[in-house]
Amino acid sequence: MQNQGKGIIEFGQEFLENHASGHHILYLSVIGEIEGHELASERTKTTKYEHLLPLLARAQDDREIDGVLILINTLGGDCSCGLAVAEMIASMDKPVVSLIIGDSHSIGVPLSVASDYTVIAPTATMLIHPVRLSGTVIGAPQTFEYFKLIQDRILNFIEGHSGAKKEDLEKMMMKKGMMAKDLGTILVGEDAVKAGLADAVGGIADALAWLHQKISSEK
């Protein structure tokens, strides 16, 4: 576990060593736009999925790492790549906790619920909205079928890894009036827990307390 300073600067990662418990935790940040197959502008703060995937693979394979803490503050990004990261998180057999500080919007929702336990700060938000694609959109039936396919993949994943039902998610996704000139639903803190998208309202102490307890119970 060397070059910790370099890890936090380049990848938003850090190793947390609890000397009382002896647990080793990998901390990862998902901040800004989730950059995928296309590069974002130089002025955009991004988390690159090609960085997250190998870090998660290492966490799974490294016997010294007992669990993972993921801090999330994202407005979304590339749907396909965000879902790939979410699938990676969900497939890990080590305890993973997500902490939403700020926002977990759009494809950030699957990332948040992919962990074993999700904590959301009292003022943090989760946003459910219809799938959007940037760039040129061809006005053909196949295009809309593709949109629906992506949307169903995301909703099925969220339903499978949270307490929310697909029909309720679809209603939130298409809700009018909450967002100016748009569709969707914003859930703040406790509202996300009531909707089944988060397990508890809290902060870093709560997330780490759950993670240490989970690690101890599995050892």
Protein backbone atom coordinates (compact mmCIF):
# COMPACT_ATOMS: atom_id res chain seq x y z
CA MET A 1 0.00 0.00 0.00
CA GLN A 2 2.52 2.53 -1.20
CA ASN A 3 2.22 5.96 -2.86
CA GLN A 4 -0.96 6.89 -1.01
CA GLY A 5 -0.51 10.59 -1.81
CA LYS A 6 -0.16 9.85 -5.51
CA GLY A 7 -3.34 7.72 -5.43
CA ILE A 8 -5.49 10.45 -3.93
CA ILE A 9 -4.21 13.02 -6.43
CA GLU A 10 -4.52 10.91 -9.58
CA PHE A 11 -7.42 8.57 -8.89
CA GLY A 12 -9.23 9.84 -5.79
CA GLN A 13 -8.24 6.72 -3.88
CA GLU A 14 -6.78 6.23 -0.42
CA PHE A 15 -6.13 3.34 1.94
CA LEU A 16 -7.63 3.68 5.40
CA GLU A 17 -5.96 1.62 8.11
CA ASN A 18 -7.89 1.29 11.36
CA HIS A 19 -5.31 0.37 13.97
CA ALA A 20 -7.90 -0.56 16.60
CA SER A 21 -9.68 -3.10 14.40
CA GLY A 22 -6.82 -3.95 12.07
CA HIS A 23 -9.10 -3.45 9.06
CA HIS A 24 -7.77 -2.17 5.75
CA ILE A 25 -10.27 -0.21 3.66
CA LEU A 26 -9.94 1.12 0.14
CA TYR A 27 -11.54 4.55 -0.25
CA LEU A 28 -12.65 5.59 -3.75
CA SER A 29 -14.20 8.83 -4.99
CA VAL A 30 -16.83 9.13 -7.73
CA ILE A 31 -16.87 12.89 -8.24
CA GLY A 32 -18.01 15.10 -11.11
CA GLU A 33 -19.04 13.61 -14.45
CA ILE A 34 -18.54 9.89 -15.03
CA GLU A 35 -16.40 9.95 -18.14
CA GLY A 36 -16.81 6.99 -20.46
CA HIS A 37 -16.09 6.29 -24.12
CA GLU A 38 -15.78 9.98 -25.01
CA LEU A 39 -13.54 12.57 -23.38
CA ALA A 40 -15.21 15.38 -21.46
CA SER A 41 -14.07 18.98 -21.87
CA GLU A 42 -10.93 20.12 -20.09
CA ARG A 43 -12.99 22.32 -17.75
CA THR A 44 -15.17 19.43 -16.55
CA LYS A 45 -14.36 17.57 -13.34
CA THR A 46 -14.53 13.85 -14.16
CA THR A 47 -14.15 10.37 -12.76
CA LYS A 48 -12.85 8.05 -15.46
CA TYR A 49 -14.39 4.60 -15.55
CA GLU A 50 -11.17 3.09 -16.91
CA HIS A 51 -9.55 4.14 -13.61
CA LEU A 52 -12.32 2.76 -11.39
CA LEU A 53 -12.51 -0.70 -12.95
CA PRO A 54 -8.88 -1.74 -12.24
CA LEU A 55 -9.05 -0.23 -8.74
CA LEU A 56 -12.12 -2.30 -7.96
CA ALA A 57 -10.52 -5.40 -9.47
CA ARG A 58 -7.49 -4.86 -7.24
CA ALA A 59 -9.70 -4.44 -4.18
CA GLN A 60 -11.40 -7.74 -4.94
CA ASP A 61 -8.14 -9.64 -5.48
CA ASP A 62 -5.99 -8.06 -2.74
CA ARG A 63 -6.19 -10.07 0.49
CA GLU A 64 -4.98 -7.06 2.47
CA ILE A 65 -8.09 -5.05 1.56
CA ASP A 66 -11.03 -5.96 3.79
CA GLY A 67 -13.68 -3.61 2.41
CA VAL A 68 -14.40 -0.63 0.18
CA LEU A 69 -15.82 2.83 0.93
CA ILE A 70 -17.12 4.74 -2.10
CA LEU A 71 -17.85 8.47 -1.75
CA ILE A 72 -20.28 9.68 -4.41
CA ASN A 73 -20.95 13.23 -5.59
CA THR A 74 -21.82 13.04 -9.26
CA LEU A 75 -24.31 14.58 -11.70
CA GLY A 76 -24.12 11.45 -13.88
CA GLY A 77 -22.40 10.79 -17.16
CA ASP A 78 -21.91 7.91 -19.59
CA CYS A 79 -24.75 5.41 -19.01
CA SER A 80 -22.99 2.34 -20.41
CA CYS A 81 -19.74 2.94 -18.55
CA GLY A 82 -21.46 3.94 -15.31
CA LEU A 83 -23.50 0.75 -15.43
CA ALA A 84 -20.31 -1.26 -16.04
CA VAL A 85 -18.79 0.19 -12.86
CA ALA A 86 -22.01 -0.53 -10.96
CA GLU A 87 -21.94 -4.16 -12.12
CA MET A 88 -18.33 -4.44 -10.97
CA ILE A 89 -19.20 -3.10 -7.52
CA ALA A 90 -22.22 -5.40 -7.19
CA SER A 91 -20.16 -8.47 -8.12
CA MET A 92 -17.57 -8.00 -5.36
CA ASP A 93 -17.65 -10.45 -2.46
CA LYS A 94 -16.09 -7.99 0.00
CA PRO A 95 -18.20 -5.51 1.99
CA VAL A 96 -18.82 -2.25 0.10
CA VAL A 97 -20.53 0.86 1.46
CA SER A 98 -21.53 3.95 -0.53
CA LEU A 99 -21.75 7.42 0.99
CA ILE A 100 -23.63 10.06 -1.00
CA ILE A 101 -22.30 13.51 -0.20
CA GLY A 102 -23.79 16.21 -2.41
CA ASP A 103 -25.50 14.46 -5.32
CA SER A 104 -25.98 11.06 -6.91
CA HIS A 105 -27.83 11.85 -10.11
CA SER A 106 -28.75 9.92 -13.23
CA ILE A 107 -26.33 6.98 -13.71
CA GLY A 108 -25.01 7.80 -10.23
CA VAL A 109 -28.11 6.09 -8.80
CA PRO A 110 -27.11 2.56 -9.98
CA LEU A 111 -23.59 3.25 -8.67
CA SER A 112 -24.99 4.15 -5.26
CA VAL A 113 -27.27 1.14 -4.88
CA ALA A 114 -24.67 -1.33 -6.22
CA SER A 115 -22.96 -1.42 -2.83
CA ASP A 116 -24.07 -3.60 0.08
CA TYR A 117 -25.18 -0.55 2.08
CA THR A 118 -25.94 3.01 1.02
CA VAL A 119 -25.75 6.03 3.31
CA ILE A 120 -27.00 9.43 2.16
CA ALA A 121 -26.24 12.75 3.84
CA PRO A 122 -29.28 14.70 5.10
CA THR A 123 -28.93 17.36 2.39
CA ALA A 124 -27.67 15.09 -0.39
CA THR A 125 -29.88 14.31 -3.40
CA MET A 126 -30.63 11.47 -5.78
CA LEU A 127 -32.17 12.21 -9.19
CA ILE A 128 -34.19 9.80 -11.32
CA HIS A 129 -34.84 10.97 -14.89
CA PRO A 130 -35.28 9.53 -18.41
CA VAL A 131 -32.22 8.42 -20.35
CA ARG A 132 -30.65 11.08 -22.55
CA LEU A 133 -28.09 10.66 -25.32
CA SER A 134 -25.84 13.46 -26.50
CA GLY A 135 -24.78 14.11 -30.08
CA THR A 136 -26.76 13.39 -33.23
CA VAL A 137 -29.98 11.46 -32.63
CA ILE A 138 -31.60 9.69 -35.58
CA GLY A 139 -35.38 10.09 -35.59
CA ALA A 140 -36.25 6.46 -36.22
CA PRO A 141 -38.20 3.80 -34.29
CA GLN A 142 -34.97 1.89 -33.67
CA THR A 143 -33.52 4.90 -31.85
CA PHE A 144 -36.39 5.01 -29.39
CA GLU A 145 -36.21 1.25 -28.90
CA TYR A 146 -32.54 1.65 -28.04
CA PHE A 147 -33.38 4.39 -25.52
CA LYS A 148 -35.96 2.07 -23.94
CA LEU A 149 -33.44 -0.79 -23.79
CA ILE A 150 -30.89 1.34 -21.95
CA GLN A 151 -33.55 2.67 -19.62
CA ASP A 152 -34.79 -0.84 -18.79
CA ARG A 153 -31.24 -2.04 -18.09
CA ILE A 154 -30.76 0.79 -15.61
CA LEU A 155 -34.16 0.36 -13.93
CA ASN A 156 -33.76 -3.42 -13.66
CA PHE A 157 -30.37 -2.95 -12.04
CA ILE A 158 -31.68 -0.41 -9.54
CA GLU A 159 -34.65 -2.63 -8.65
CA GLY A 160 -32.38 -5.65 -8.23
CA HIS A 161 -30.02 -3.86 -5.84
CA SER A 162 -32.35 -1.68 -3.79
CA GLY A 163 -35.73 -1.67 -2.12
CA ALA A 164 -37.36 0.31 -4.95
CA LYS A 165 -39.79 -1.26 -7.42
CA LYS A 166 -39.44 -0.76 -11.17
CA GLU A 167 -42.96 0.65 -11.58
CA ASP A 168 -42.29 3.25 -8.87
CA LEU A 169 -38.97 4.16 -10.48
CA GLU A 170 -40.68 4.64 -13.83
CA LYS A 171 -43.24 6.96 -12.23
CA MET A 172 -40.47 9.01 -10.62
CA MET A 173 -38.57 9.08 -13.89
CA MET A 174 -41.50 10.54 -15.84
CA LYS A 175 -42.83 12.88 -13.17
CA LYS A 176 -43.61 16.39 -14.38
CA GLY A 177 -43.44 19.68 -12.54
CA MET A 178 -40.57 19.10 -10.13
CA MET A 179 -37.84 19.99 -12.62
CA ALA A 180 -38.19 23.06 -14.82
CA LYS A 181 -38.51 22.14 -18.49
CA ASP A 182 -37.70 18.52 -17.74
CA LEU A 183 -38.93 15.22 -16.34
CA GLY A 184 -37.80 13.42 -13.25
CA THR A 185 -37.78 13.30 -9.46
CA ILE A 186 -35.29 14.69 -6.97
CA LEU A 187 -35.08 12.88 -3.62
CA VAL A 188 -33.37 14.61 -0.69
CA GLY A 189 -31.86 12.64 2.18
CA GLU A 190 -34.67 10.86 4.04
CA ASP A 191 -36.84 10.83 0.88
CA ALA A 192 -34.29 8.55 -0.79
CA VAL A 193 -34.47 6.16 2.18
CA LYS A 194 -38.28 6.12 2.05
CA ALA A 195 -38.12 5.37 -1.68
CA GLY A 196 -35.86 2.37 -1.01
CA LEU A 197 -32.84 3.84 -2.81
CA ALA A 198 -30.72 4.33 0.33
CA ASP A 199 -30.46 2.41 3.58
CA ALA A 200 -29.84 5.23 6.04
CA VAL A 201 -29.35 8.96 6.44
CA GLY A 202 -25.94 9.78 7.87
CA GLY A 203 -22.35 10.66 7.19
CA ILE A 204 -18.82 9.30 7.13
CA ALA A 205 -18.95 7.99 10.72
CA ASP A 206 -22.10 5.99 9.96
CA ALA A 207 -20.71 4.57 6.73
CA LEU A 208 -17.44 3.49 8.34
CA ALA A 209 -19.20 2.10 11.41
CA TRP A 210 -21.35 -0.14 9.20
CA LEU A 211 -18.33 -1.22 7.15
CA HIS A 212 -16.21 -2.12 10.18
CA GLN A 213 -19.08 -4.05 11.71
CA LYS A 214 -19.68 -5.94 8.47
CA ILE A 215 -15.99 -6.79 8.07
CA SER A 216 -15.77 -8.02 11.67
CA SER A 217 -18.89 -10.20 11.28
CA GLU A 218 -17.47 -11.88 8.17
CA LYS A 219 -14.04 -12.62 9.62
